[in-house]
Amino acid sequence: MSNAHMLITITLIALTTIALRFLPFWIFPPSKQPPALITYLGKVLPRAAIALLVVYAVKDVSIVTSPHGIPELVAILAIVVVHVFKRNTLLSIATGTILYMMMVQLVF
């Protein structure tokens, strides 16, 4: 691939990325109410994505071999407790991740 082809490819990728990032703002400007389906998806998709990530994270955990899924369970419980009390997603995920990594590296 020549330098010209690489430059054209990078430019097209960058323009496509920019267009896709701004597309929702062009389709649904702040002055206009989005359709009910879009509003509904905005409410349910974040929870569905988190649930999907949890299922993916624990799919290979074996409860019959050590550490029996204990680090994962403790981290998930910590995330739930922190989120219930603080209602801060970033804090909840960071707490669970740090707790899990500490348990895996230092305890188990």
PDB file of N, CA and C in Angstrom:
ATOM      1  N   MET A   1       0.855  -1.176   0.000  1.00  0.00           N
ATOM      2  CA  MET A   1       0.000   0.000   0.000  1.00  0.00           C
ATOM      3  C   MET A   1       0.896   1.232   0.000  1.00  0.00           C
ATOM      4  N   SER A   2       0.644   2.115  -0.919  1.00  0.00           N
ATOM      5  CA  SER A   2       1.470   3.323  -1.030  1.00  0.00           C
ATOM      6  C   SER A   2       1.081   4.335   0.048  1.00  0.00           C
ATOM      7  N   ASN A   3       1.923   5.353   0.181  1.00  0.00           N
ATOM      8  CA  ASN A   3       1.639   6.400   1.168  1.00  0.00           C
ATOM      9  C   ASN A   3       0.331   7.121   0.858  1.00  0.00           C
ATOM     10  N   ALA A   4       0.042   7.321  -0.408  1.00  0.00           N
ATOM     11  CA  ALA A   4      -1.209   7.987  -0.789  1.00  0.00           C
ATOM     12  C   ALA A   4      -2.415   7.145  -0.389  1.00  0.00           C
ATOM     13  N   HIS A   5      -2.322   5.841  -0.622  1.00  0.00           N
ATOM     14  CA  HIS A   5      -3.424   4.956  -0.230  1.00  0.00           C
ATOM     15  C   HIS A   5      -3.617   4.950   1.284  1.00  0.00           C
ATOM     16  N   MET A   6      -2.506   4.929   2.023  1.00  0.00           N
ATOM     17  CA  MET A   6      -2.607   4.953   3.488  1.00  0.00           C
ATOM     18  C   MET A   6      -3.237   6.252   3.969  1.00  0.00           C
ATOM     19  N   LEU A   7      -2.847   7.364   3.381  1.00  0.00           N
ATOM     20  CA  LEU A   7      -3.409   8.663   3.766  1.00  0.00           C
ATOM     21  C   LEU A   7      -4.899   8.726   3.458  1.00  0.00           C
ATOM     22  N   ILE A   8      -5.301   8.236   2.300  1.00  0.00           N
ATOM     23  CA  ILE A   8      -6.721   8.213   1.932  1.00  0.00           C
ATOM     24  C   ILE A   8      -7.499   7.309   2.884  1.00  0.00           C
ATOM     25  N   THR A   9      -6.939   6.146   3.202  1.00  0.00           N
ATOM     26  CA  THR A   9      -7.610   5.211   4.110  1.00  0.00           C
ATOM     27  C   THR A   9      -7.787   5.819   5.490  1.00  0.00           C
ATOM     28  N   ILE A  10      -6.727   6.404   6.027  1.00  0.00           N
ATOM     29  CA  ILE A  10      -6.803   7.018   7.356  1.00  0.00           C
ATOM     30  C   ILE A  10      -7.794   8.176   7.359  1.00  0.00           C
ATOM     31  N   THR A  11      -7.792   8.982   6.312  1.00  0.00           N
ATOM     32  CA  THR A  11      -8.730  10.103   6.217  1.00  0.00           C
ATOM     33  C   THR A  11     -10.171   9.615   6.178  1.00  0.00           C
ATOM     34  N   LEU A  12     -10.441   8.592   5.370  1.00  0.00           N
ATOM     35  CA  LEU A  12     -11.806   8.052   5.294  1.00  0.00           C
ATOM     36  C   LEU A  12     -12.246   7.451   6.626  1.00  0.00           C
ATOM     37  N   ILE A  13     -11.354   6.743   7.293  1.00  0.00           N
ATOM     38  CA  ILE A  13     -11.693   6.164   8.598  1.00  0.00           C
ATOM     39  C   ILE A  13     -11.982   7.272   9.604  1.00  0.00           C
ATOM     40  N   ALA A  14     -11.156   8.314   9.616  1.00  0.00           N
ATOM     41  CA  ALA A  14     -11.363   9.423  10.545  1.00  0.00           C
ATOM     42  C   ALA A  14     -12.680  10.141  10.267  1.00  0.00           C
ATOM     43  N   LEU A  15     -12.972  10.411   9.005  1.00  0.00           N
ATOM     44  CA  LEU A  15     -14.226  11.090   8.659  1.00  0.00           C
ATOM     45  C   LEU A  15     -15.443  10.232   9.003  1.00  0.00           C
ATOM     46  N   THR A  16     -15.347   8.936   8.763  1.00  0.00           N
ATOM     47  CA  THR A  16     -16.451   8.034   9.114  1.00  0.00           C
ATOM     48  C   THR A  16     -16.668   8.013  10.618  1.00  0.00           C
ATOM     49  N   THR A  17     -15.579   7.955  11.382  1.00  0.00           N
ATOM     50  CA  THR A  17     -15.690   7.957  12.841  1.00  0.00           C
ATOM     51  C   THR A  17     -16.329   9.246  13.336  1.00  0.00           C
ATOM     52  N   ILE A  18     -15.889  10.367  12.815  1.00  0.00           N
ATOM     53  CA  ILE A  18     -16.460  11.660  13.218  1.00  0.00           C
ATOM     54  C   ILE A  18     -17.942  11.725  12.856  1.00  0.00           C
ATOM     55  N   ALA A  19     -18.286  11.287  11.653  1.00  0.00           N
ATOM     56  CA  ALA A  19     -19.692  11.314  11.227  1.00  0.00           C
ATOM     57  C   ALA A  19     -20.552  10.438  12.130  1.00  0.00           C
ATOM     58  N   LEU A  20     -20.058   9.256  12.485  1.00  0.00           N
ATOM     59  CA  LEU A  20     -20.838   8.369  13.353  1.00  0.00           C
ATOM     60  C   LEU A  20     -20.975   8.932  14.762  1.00  0.00           C
ATOM     61  N   ARG A  21     -19.969   9.662  15.236  1.00  0.00           N
ATOM     62  CA  ARG A  21     -20.055  10.272  16.569  1.00  0.00           C
ATOM     63  C   ARG A  21     -21.082  11.402  16.609  1.00  0.00           C
ATOM     64  N   PHE A  22     -21.175  12.176  15.526  1.00  0.00           N
ATOM     65  CA  PHE A  22     -22.082  13.314  15.500  1.00  0.00           C
ATOM     66  C   PHE A  22     -23.473  12.971  14.972  1.00  0.00           C
ATOM     67  N   LEU A  23     -23.640  11.803  14.375  1.00  0.00           N
ATOM     68  CA  LEU A  23     -24.921  11.411  13.785  1.00  0.00           C
ATOM     69  C   LEU A  23     -26.092  11.501  14.770  1.00  0.00           C
ATOM     70  N   PRO A  24     -25.981  11.004  16.005  1.00  0.00           N
ATOM     71  CA  PRO A  24     -27.119  11.132  16.931  1.00  0.00           C
ATOM     72  C   PRO A  24     -27.510  12.585  17.209  1.00  0.00           C
ATOM     73  N   PHE A  25     -26.525  13.483  17.241  1.00  0.00           N
ATOM     74  CA  PHE A  25     -26.827  14.890  17.494  1.00  0.00           C
ATOM     75  C   PHE A  25     -27.494  15.537  16.288  1.00  0.00           C
ATOM     76  N   TRP A  26     -27.173  15.071  15.104  1.00  0.00           N
ATOM     77  CA  TRP A  26     -27.823  15.591  13.897  1.00  0.00           C
ATOM     78  C   TRP A  26     -29.244  15.058  13.766  1.00  0.00           C
ATOM     79  N   ILE A  27     -29.428  13.783  14.092  1.00  0.00           N
ATOM     80  CA  ILE A  27     -30.754  13.172  13.960  1.00  0.00           C
ATOM     81  C   ILE A  27     -31.699  13.658  15.054  1.00  0.00           C
ATOM     82  N   PHE A  28     -31.195  13.755  16.289  1.00  0.00           N
ATOM     83  CA  PHE A  28     -32.018  14.151  17.438  1.00  0.00           C
ATOM     84  C   PHE A  28     -31.446  15.417  18.071  1.00  0.00           C
ATOM     85  N   PRO A  29     -31.722  16.585  17.500  1.00  0.00           N
ATOM     86  CA  PRO A  29     -31.199  17.823  18.093  1.00  0.00           C
ATOM     87  C   PRO A  29     -31.850  18.073  19.458  1.00  0.00           C
ATOM     88  N   PRO A  30     -31.170  18.841  20.323  1.00  0.00           N
ATOM     89  CA  PRO A  30     -31.703  19.089  21.668  1.00  0.00           C
ATOM     90  C   PRO A  30     -33.069  19.773  21.665  1.00  0.00           C
ATOM     91  N   SER A  31     -33.373  20.516  20.619  1.00  0.00           N
ATOM     92  CA  SER A  31     -34.652  21.225  20.565  1.00  0.00           C
ATOM     93  C   SER A  31     -35.817  20.310  20.200  1.00  0.00           C
ATOM     94  N   LYS A  32     -35.528  19.080  19.817  1.00  0.00           N
ATOM     95  CA  LYS A  32     -36.561  18.157  19.361  1.00  0.00           C
ATOM     96  C   LYS A  32     -36.615  16.941  20.286  1.00  0.00           C
ATOM     97  N   GLN A  33     -37.807  16.495  20.636  1.00  0.00           N
ATOM     98  CA  GLN A  33     -37.998  15.330  21.502  1.00  0.00           C
ATOM     99  C   GLN A  33     -37.690  14.053  20.710  1.00  0.00           C
ATOM    100  N   PRO A  34     -36.823  13.173  21.240  1.00  0.00           N
ATOM    101  CA  PRO A  34     -36.548  11.919  20.518  1.00  0.00           C
ATOM    102  C   PRO A  34     -37.757  10.988  20.568  1.00  0.00           C
ATOM    103  N   PRO A  35     -37.843  10.059  19.631  1.00  0.00           N
ATOM    104  CA  PRO A  35     -38.957   9.101  19.642  1.00  0.00           C
ATOM    105  C   PRO A  35     -38.968   8.275  20.932  1.00  0.00           C
ATOM    106  N   ALA A  36     -40.139   7.750  21.259  1.00  0.00           N
ATOM    107  CA  ALA A  36     -40.297   6.980  22.496  1.00  0.00           C
ATOM    108  C   ALA A  36     -39.381   5.762  22.523  1.00  0.00           C
ATOM    109  N   LEU A  37     -39.182   5.120  21.390  1.00  0.00           N
ATOM    110  CA  LEU A  37     -38.312   3.941  21.336  1.00  0.00           C
ATOM    111  C   LEU A  37     -36.875   4.298  21.708  1.00  0.00           C
ATOM    112  N   ILE A  38     -36.388   5.414  21.235  1.00  0.00           N
ATOM    113  CA  ILE A  38     -35.024   5.846  21.546  1.00  0.00           C
ATOM    114  C   ILE A  38     -34.897   6.161  23.032  1.00  0.00           C
ATOM    115  N   THR A  39     -35.891   6.812  23.594  1.00  0.00           N
ATOM    116  CA  THR A  39     -35.886   7.111  25.026  1.00  0.00           C
ATOM    117  C   THR A  39     -35.902   5.821  25.838  1.00  0.00           C
ATOM    118  N   TYR A  40     -36.723   4.864  25.431  1.00  0.00           N
ATOM    119  CA  TYR A  40     -36.794   3.570  26.110  1.00  0.00           C
ATOM    120  C   TYR A  40     -35.448   2.847  26.048  1.00  0.00           C
ATOM    121  N   LEU A  41     -34.853   2.804  24.866  1.00  0.00           N
ATOM    122  CA  LEU A  41     -33.556   2.138  24.721  1.00  0.00           C
ATOM    123  C   LEU A  41     -32.482   2.819  25.560  1.00  0.00           C
ATOM    124  N   GLY A  42     -32.546   4.128  25.673  1.00  0.00           N
ATOM    125  CA  GLY A  42     -31.600   4.854  26.508  1.00  0.00           C
ATOM    126  C   GLY A  42     -31.722   4.500  27.975  1.00  0.00           C
ATOM    127  N   LYS A  43     -32.903   4.059  28.386  1.00  0.00           N
ATOM    128  CA  LYS A  43     -33.106   3.670  29.784  1.00  0.00           C
ATOM    129  C   LYS A  43     -32.721   2.223  30.047  1.00  0.00           C
ATOM    130  N   VAL A  44     -32.990   1.322  29.109  1.00  0.00           N
ATOM    131  CA  VAL A  44     -32.776  -0.106  29.382  1.00  0.00           C
ATOM    132  C   VAL A  44     -31.428  -0.644  28.906  1.00  0.00           C
ATOM    133  N   LEU A  45     -30.832  -0.059  27.895  1.00  0.00           N
ATOM    134  CA  LEU A  45     -29.586  -0.615  27.367  1.00  0.00           C
ATOM    135  C   LEU A  45     -28.401  -0.545  28.329  1.00  0.00           C
ATOM    136  N   PRO A  46     -28.223   0.520  29.113  1.00  0.00           N
ATOM    137  CA  PRO A  46     -27.093   0.500  30.051  1.00  0.00           C
ATOM    138  C   PRO A  46     -27.165  -0.661  31.042  1.00  0.00           C
ATOM    139  N   ARG A  47     -28.340  -0.925  31.579  1.00  0.00           N
ATOM    140  CA  ARG A  47     -28.481  -2.052  32.516  1.00  0.00           C
ATOM    141  C   ARG A  47     -28.262  -3.387  31.809  1.00  0.00           C
ATOM    142  N   ALA A  48     -28.767  -3.500  30.597  1.00  0.00           N
ATOM    143  CA  ALA A  48     -28.582  -4.730  29.834  1.00  0.00           C
ATOM    144  C   ALA A  48     -27.108  -4.946  29.511  1.00  0.00           C
ATOM    145  N   ALA A  49     -26.396  -3.887  29.194  1.00  0.00           N
ATOM    146  CA  ALA A  49     -24.969  -4.011  28.889  1.00  0.00           C
ATOM    147  C   ALA A  49     -24.185  -4.450  30.121  1.00  0.00           C
ATOM    148  N   ILE A  50     -24.498  -3.882  31.275  1.00  0.00           N
ATOM    149  CA  ILE A  50     -23.826  -4.277  32.515  1.00  0.00           C
ATOM    150  C   ILE A  50     -24.137  -5.734  32.836  1.00  0.00           C
ATOM    151  N   ALA A  51     -25.387  -6.144  32.690  1.00  0.00           N
ATOM    152  CA  ALA A  51     -25.752  -7.542  32.944  1.00  0.00           C
ATOM    153  C   ALA A  51     -25.003  -8.481  32.002  1.00  0.00           C
ATOM    154  N   LEU A  52     -24.886  -8.102  30.756  1.00  0.00           N
ATOM    155  CA  LEU A  52     -24.145  -8.908  29.789  1.00  0.00           C
ATOM    156  C   LEU A  52     -22.679  -9.024  30.187  1.00  0.00           C
ATOM    157  N   LEU A  53     -22.080  -7.937  30.646  1.00  0.00           N
ATOM    158  CA  LEU A  53     -20.685  -7.972  31.086  1.00  0.00           C
ATOM    159  C   LEU A  53     -20.499  -8.859  32.312  1.00  0.00           C
ATOM    160  N   VAL A  54     -21.449  -8.829  33.235  1.00  0.00           N
ATOM    161  CA  VAL A  54     -21.359  -9.687  34.422  1.00  0.00           C
ATOM    162  C   VAL A  54     -21.434 -11.153  34.020  1.00  0.00           C
ATOM    163  N   VAL A  55     -22.374 -11.487  33.165  1.00  0.00           N
ATOM    164  CA  VAL A  55     -22.503 -12.878  32.704  1.00  0.00           C
ATOM    165  C   VAL A  55     -21.227 -13.315  31.998  1.00  0.00           C
ATOM    166  N   TYR A  56     -20.683 -12.460  31.147  1.00  0.00           N
ATOM    167  CA  TYR A  56     -19.456 -12.795  30.432  1.00  0.00           C
ATOM    168  C   TYR A  56     -18.283 -12.978  31.399  1.00  0.00           C
ATOM    169  N   ALA A  57     -18.228 -12.148  32.440  1.00  0.00           N
ATOM    170  CA  ALA A  57     -17.113 -12.208  33.385  1.00  0.00           C
ATOM    171  C   ALA A  57     -17.136 -13.466  34.242  1.00  0.00           C
ATOM    172  N   VAL A  58     -18.315 -13.983  34.541  1.00  0.00           N
ATOM    173  CA  VAL A  58     -18.394 -15.152  35.434  1.00  0.00           C
ATOM    174  C   VAL A  58     -18.696 -16.450  34.699  1.00  0.00           C
ATOM    175  N   LYS A  59     -18.706 -16.425  33.379  1.00  0.00           N
ATOM    176  CA  LYS A  59     -19.081 -17.630  32.630  1.00  0.00           C
ATOM    177  C   LYS A  59     -18.075 -18.760  32.783  1.00  0.00           C
ATOM    178  N   ASP A  60     -16.810 -18.462  32.995  1.00  0.00           N
ATOM    179  CA  ASP A  60     -15.789 -19.500  33.103  1.00  0.00           C
ATOM    180  C   ASP A  60     -15.363 -19.774  34.537  1.00  0.00           C
ATOM    181  N   VAL A  61     -16.070 -19.235  35.508  1.00  0.00           N
ATOM    182  CA  VAL A  61     -15.721 -19.453  36.907  1.00  0.00           C
ATOM    183  C   VAL A  61     -16.138 -20.863  37.307  1.00  0.00           C
ATOM    184  N   SER A  62     -15.202 -21.575  37.898  1.00  0.00           N
ATOM    185  CA  SER A  62     -15.489 -22.936  38.352  1.00  0.00           C
ATOM    186  C   SER A  62     -15.689 -22.924  39.862  1.00  0.00           C
ATOM    187  N   ILE A  63     -16.844 -23.403  40.296  1.00  0.00           N
ATOM    188  CA  ILE A  63     -17.105 -23.434  41.737  1.00  0.00           C
ATOM    189  C   ILE A  63     -16.575 -24.711  42.382  1.00  0.00           C
ATOM    190  N   VAL A  64     -16.072 -25.654  41.568  1.00  0.00           N
ATOM    191  CA  VAL A  64     -15.564 -26.911  42.127  1.00  0.00           C
ATOM    192  C   VAL A  64     -14.054 -26.890  42.321  1.00  0.00           C
ATOM    193  N   THR A  65     -13.361 -25.905  41.753  1.00  0.00           N
ATOM    194  CA  THR A  65     -11.923 -25.793  41.957  1.00  0.00           C
ATOM    195  C   THR A  65     -11.615 -24.481  42.667  1.00  0.00           C
ATOM    196  N   SER A  66     -10.503 -24.484  43.382  1.00  0.00           N
ATOM    197  CA  SER A  66     -10.102 -23.302  44.126  1.00  0.00           C
ATOM    198  C   SER A  66      -9.871 -22.141  43.165  1.00  0.00           C
ATOM    199  N   PRO A  67     -10.256 -20.949  43.474  1.00  0.00           N
ATOM    200  CA  PRO A  67     -10.837 -20.385  44.686  1.00  0.00           C
ATOM    201  C   PRO A  67     -12.364 -20.408  44.722  1.00  0.00           C
ATOM    202  N   HIS A  68     -12.988 -21.255  43.948  1.00  0.00           N
ATOM    203  CA  HIS A  68     -14.436 -21.508  43.996  1.00  0.00           C
ATOM    204  C   HIS A  68     -15.295 -20.293  43.659  1.00  0.00           C
ATOM    205  N   GLY A  69     -14.750 -19.336  42.945  1.00  0.00           N
ATOM    206  CA  GLY A  69     -15.525 -18.160  42.556  1.00  0.00           C
ATOM    207  C   GLY A  69     -15.687 -17.134  43.658  1.00  0.00           C
ATOM    208  N   ILE A  70     -14.950 -17.305  44.741  1.00  0.00           N
ATOM    209  CA  ILE A  70     -15.079 -16.377  45.871  1.00  0.00           C
ATOM    210  C   ILE A  70     -14.656 -14.953  45.493  1.00  0.00           C
ATOM    211  N   PRO A  71     -13.526 -14.743  44.811  1.00  0.00           N
ATOM    212  CA  PRO A  71     -13.170 -13.358  44.454  1.00  0.00           C
ATOM    213  C   PRO A  71     -14.225 -12.681  43.580  1.00  0.00           C
ATOM    214  N   GLU A  72     -14.769 -13.421  42.640  1.00  0.00           N
ATOM    215  CA  GLU A  72     -15.790 -12.855  41.765  1.00  0.00           C
ATOM    216  C   GLU A  72     -17.046 -12.493  42.549  1.00  0.00           C
ATOM    217  N   LEU A  73     -17.470 -13.398  43.426  1.00  0.00           N
ATOM    218  CA  LEU A  73     -18.672 -13.160  44.222  1.00  0.00           C
ATOM    219  C   LEU A  73     -18.493 -11.962  45.149  1.00  0.00           C
ATOM    220  N   VAL A  74     -17.350 -11.889  45.821  1.00  0.00           N
ATOM    221  CA  VAL A  74     -17.091 -10.765  46.726  1.00  0.00           C
ATOM    222  C   VAL A  74     -17.049  -9.449  45.948  1.00  0.00           C
ATOM    223  N   ALA A  75     -16.411  -9.453  44.781  1.00  0.00           N
ATOM    224  CA  ALA A  75     -16.339  -8.229  43.977  1.00  0.00           C
ATOM    225  C   ALA A  75     -17.726  -7.797  43.503  1.00  0.00           C
ATOM    226  N   ILE A  76     -18.539  -8.752  43.055  1.00  0.00           N
ATOM    227  CA  ILE A  76     -19.896  -8.418  42.603  1.00  0.00           C
ATOM    228  C   ILE A  76     -20.727  -7.865  43.757  1.00  0.00           C
ATOM    229  N   LEU A  77     -20.629  -8.490  44.920  1.00  0.00           N
ATOM    230  CA  LEU A  77     -21.365  -7.989  46.091  1.00  0.00           C
ATOM    231  C   LEU A  77     -20.891  -6.589  46.480  1.00  0.00           C
ATOM    232  N   ALA A  78     -19.580  -6.349  46.408  1.00  0.00           N
ATOM    233  CA  ALA A  78     -19.053  -5.017  46.728  1.00  0.00           C
ATOM    234  C   ALA A  78     -19.578  -3.978  45.746  1.00  0.00           C
ATOM    235  N   ILE A  79     -19.635  -4.333  44.480  1.00  0.00           N
ATOM    236  CA  ILE A  79     -20.160  -3.410  43.468  1.00  0.00           C
ATOM    237  C   ILE A  79     -21.612  -3.067  43.769  1.00  0.00           C
ATOM    238  N   VAL A  80     -22.403  -4.073  44.099  1.00  0.00           N
ATOM    239  CA  VAL A  80     -23.822  -3.843  44.394  1.00  0.00           C
ATOM    240  C   VAL A  80     -23.981  -2.956  45.624  1.00  0.00           C
ATOM    241  N   VAL A  81     -23.236  -3.254  46.695  1.00  0.00           N
ATOM    242  CA  VAL A  81     -23.355  -2.480  47.933  1.00  0.00           C
ATOM    243  C   VAL A  81     -22.930  -1.027  47.708  1.00  0.00           C
ATOM    244  N   VAL A  82     -21.793  -0.825  47.056  1.00  0.00           N
ATOM    245  CA  VAL A  82     -21.324   0.543  46.811  1.00  0.00           C
ATOM    246  C   VAL A  82     -22.315   1.290  45.929  1.00  0.00           C
ATOM    247  N   HIS A  83     -22.854   0.609  44.923  1.00  0.00           N
ATOM    248  CA  HIS A  83     -23.788   1.295  44.029  1.00  0.00           C
ATOM    249  C   HIS A  83     -25.106   1.633  44.730  1.00  0.00           C
ATOM    250  N   VAL A  84     -25.572   0.754  45.603  1.00  0.00           N
ATOM    251  CA  VAL A  84     -26.820   1.033  46.328  1.00  0.00           C
ATOM    252  C   VAL A  84     -26.653   2.261  47.219  1.00  0.00           C
ATOM    253  N   PHE A  85     -25.501   2.375  47.871  1.00  0.00           N
ATOM    254  CA  PHE A  85     -25.315   3.477  48.806  1.00  0.00           C
ATOM    255  C   PHE A  85     -24.821   4.764  48.148  1.00  0.00           C
ATOM    256  N   LYS A  86     -23.993   4.664  47.122  1.00  0.00           N
ATOM    257  CA  LYS A  86     -23.397   5.865  46.526  1.00  0.00           C
ATOM    258  C   LYS A  86     -24.025   6.274  45.194  1.00  0.00           C
ATOM    259  N   ARG A  87     -24.663   5.350  44.486  1.00  0.00           N
ATOM    260  CA  ARG A  87     -25.282   5.625  43.178  1.00  0.00           C
ATOM    261  C   ARG A  87     -24.278   6.250  42.199  1.00  0.00           C
ATOM    262  N   ASN A  88     -23.051   5.732  42.227  1.00  0.00           N
ATOM    263  CA  ASN A  88     -21.991   6.226  41.356  1.00  0.00           C
ATOM    264  C   ASN A  88     -21.408   5.024  40.618  1.00  0.00           C
ATOM    265  N   THR A  89     -21.706   4.918  39.340  1.00  0.00           N
ATOM    266  CA  THR A  89     -21.298   3.751  38.565  1.00  0.00           C
ATOM    267  C   THR A  89     -19.784   3.615  38.513  1.00  0.00           C
ATOM    268  N   LEU A  90     -19.084   4.708  38.266  1.00  0.00           N
ATOM    269  CA  LEU A  90     -17.629   4.649  38.170  1.00  0.00           C
ATOM    270  C   LEU A  90     -17.004   4.195  39.487  1.00  0.00           C
ATOM    271  N   LEU A  91     -17.483   4.727  40.592  1.00  0.00           N
ATOM    272  CA  LEU A  91     -16.980   4.325  41.905  1.00  0.00           C
ATOM    273  C   LEU A  91     -17.280   2.855  42.172  1.00  0.00           C
ATOM    274  N   SER A  92     -18.464   2.402  41.801  1.00  0.00           N
ATOM    275  CA  SER A  92     -18.840   1.005  42.011  1.00  0.00           C
ATOM    276  C   SER A  92     -17.935   0.062  41.232  1.00  0.00           C
ATOM    277  N   ILE A  93     -17.740   0.351  39.959  1.00  0.00           N
ATOM    278  CA  ILE A  93     -16.913  -0.515  39.118  1.00  0.00           C
ATOM    279  C   ILE A  93     -15.458  -0.479  39.572  1.00  0.00           C
ATOM    280  N   ALA A  94     -14.955   0.699  39.911  1.00  0.00           N
ATOM    281  CA  ALA A  94     -13.566   0.809  40.372  1.00  0.00           C
ATOM    282  C   ALA A  94     -13.363   0.037  41.671  1.00  0.00           C
ATOM    283  N   THR A  95     -14.309   0.141  42.592  1.00  0.00           N
ATOM    284  CA  THR A  95     -14.208  -0.585  43.856  1.00  0.00           C
ATOM    285  C   THR A  95     -14.181  -2.088  43.621  1.00  0.00           C
ATOM    286  N   GLY A  96     -15.095  -2.584  42.819  1.00  0.00           N
ATOM    287  CA  GLY A  96     -15.136  -4.015  42.535  1.00  0.00           C
ATOM    288  C   GLY A  96     -13.892  -4.507  41.829  1.00  0.00           C
ATOM    289  N   THR A  97     -13.399  -3.729  40.874  1.00  0.00           N
ATOM    290  CA  THR A  97     -12.197  -4.124  40.132  1.00  0.00           C
ATOM    291  C   THR A  97     -10.977  -4.159  41.041  1.00  0.00           C
ATOM    292  N   ILE A  98     -10.792  -3.127  41.837  1.00  0.00           N
ATOM    293  CA  ILE A  98      -9.644  -3.078  42.751  1.00  0.00           C
ATOM    294  C   ILE A  98      -9.731  -4.197  43.775  1.00  0.00           C
ATOM    295  N   LEU A  99     -10.901  -4.417  44.339  1.00  0.00           N
ATOM    296  CA  LEU A  99     -11.081  -5.488  45.319  1.00  0.00           C
ATOM    297  C   LEU A  99     -10.795  -6.852  44.701  1.00  0.00           C
ATOM    298  N   TYR A 100     -11.304  -7.090  43.506  1.00  0.00           N
ATOM    299  CA  TYR A 100     -11.072  -8.363  42.822  1.00  0.00           C
ATOM    300  C   TYR A 100      -9.587  -8.574  42.552  1.00  0.00           C
ATOM    301  N   MET A 101      -8.919  -7.556  42.022  1.00  0.00           N
ATOM    302  CA  MET A 101      -7.496  -7.696  41.707  1.00  0.00           C
ATOM    303  C   MET A 101      -6.664  -7.905  42.965  1.00  0.00           C
ATOM    304  N   MET A 102      -7.009  -7.231  44.051  1.00  0.00           N
ATOM    305  CA  MET A 102      -6.285  -7.438  45.306  1.00  0.00           C
ATOM    306  C   MET A 102      -6.477  -8.862  45.812  1.00  0.00           C
ATOM    307  N   MET A 103      -7.701  -9.367  45.736  1.00  0.00           N
ATOM    308  CA  MET A 103      -7.944 -10.735  46.203  1.00  0.00           C
ATOM    309  C   MET A 103      -7.211 -11.753  45.345  1.00  0.00           C
ATOM    310  N   VAL A 104      -7.235 -11.578  44.043  1.00  0.00           N
ATOM    311  CA  VAL A 104      -6.585 -12.538  43.145  1.00  0.00           C
ATOM    312  C   VAL A 104      -5.067 -12.496  43.314  1.00  0.00           C
ATOM    313  N   GLN A 105      -4.502 -11.301  43.480  1.00  0.00           N
ATOM    314  CA  GLN A 105      -3.049 -11.172  43.573  1.00  0.00           C
ATOM    315  C   GLN A 105      -2.499 -11.451  44.971  1.00  0.00           C
ATOM    316  N   LEU A 106      -3.241 -11.085  46.007  1.00  0.00           N
ATOM    317  CA  LEU A 106      -2.703 -11.170  47.362  1.00  0.00           C
ATOM    318  C   LEU A 106      -3.287 -12.294  48.212  1.00  0.00           C
ATOM    319  N   VAL A 107      -4.527 -12.662  47.977  1.00  0.00           N
ATOM    320  CA  VAL A 107      -5.192 -13.630  48.853  1.00  0.00           C
ATOM    321  C   VAL A 107      -5.241 -15.014  48.225  1.00  0.00           C
ATOM    322  N   PHE A 108      -5.722 -15.110  47.013  1.00  0.00           N
ATOM    323  CA  PHE A 108      -5.925 -16.430  46.404  1.00  0.00           C
ATOM    324  C   PHE A 108      -4.800 -16.778  45.477  1.00  0.00           C
TER     325      PHE A 108
END
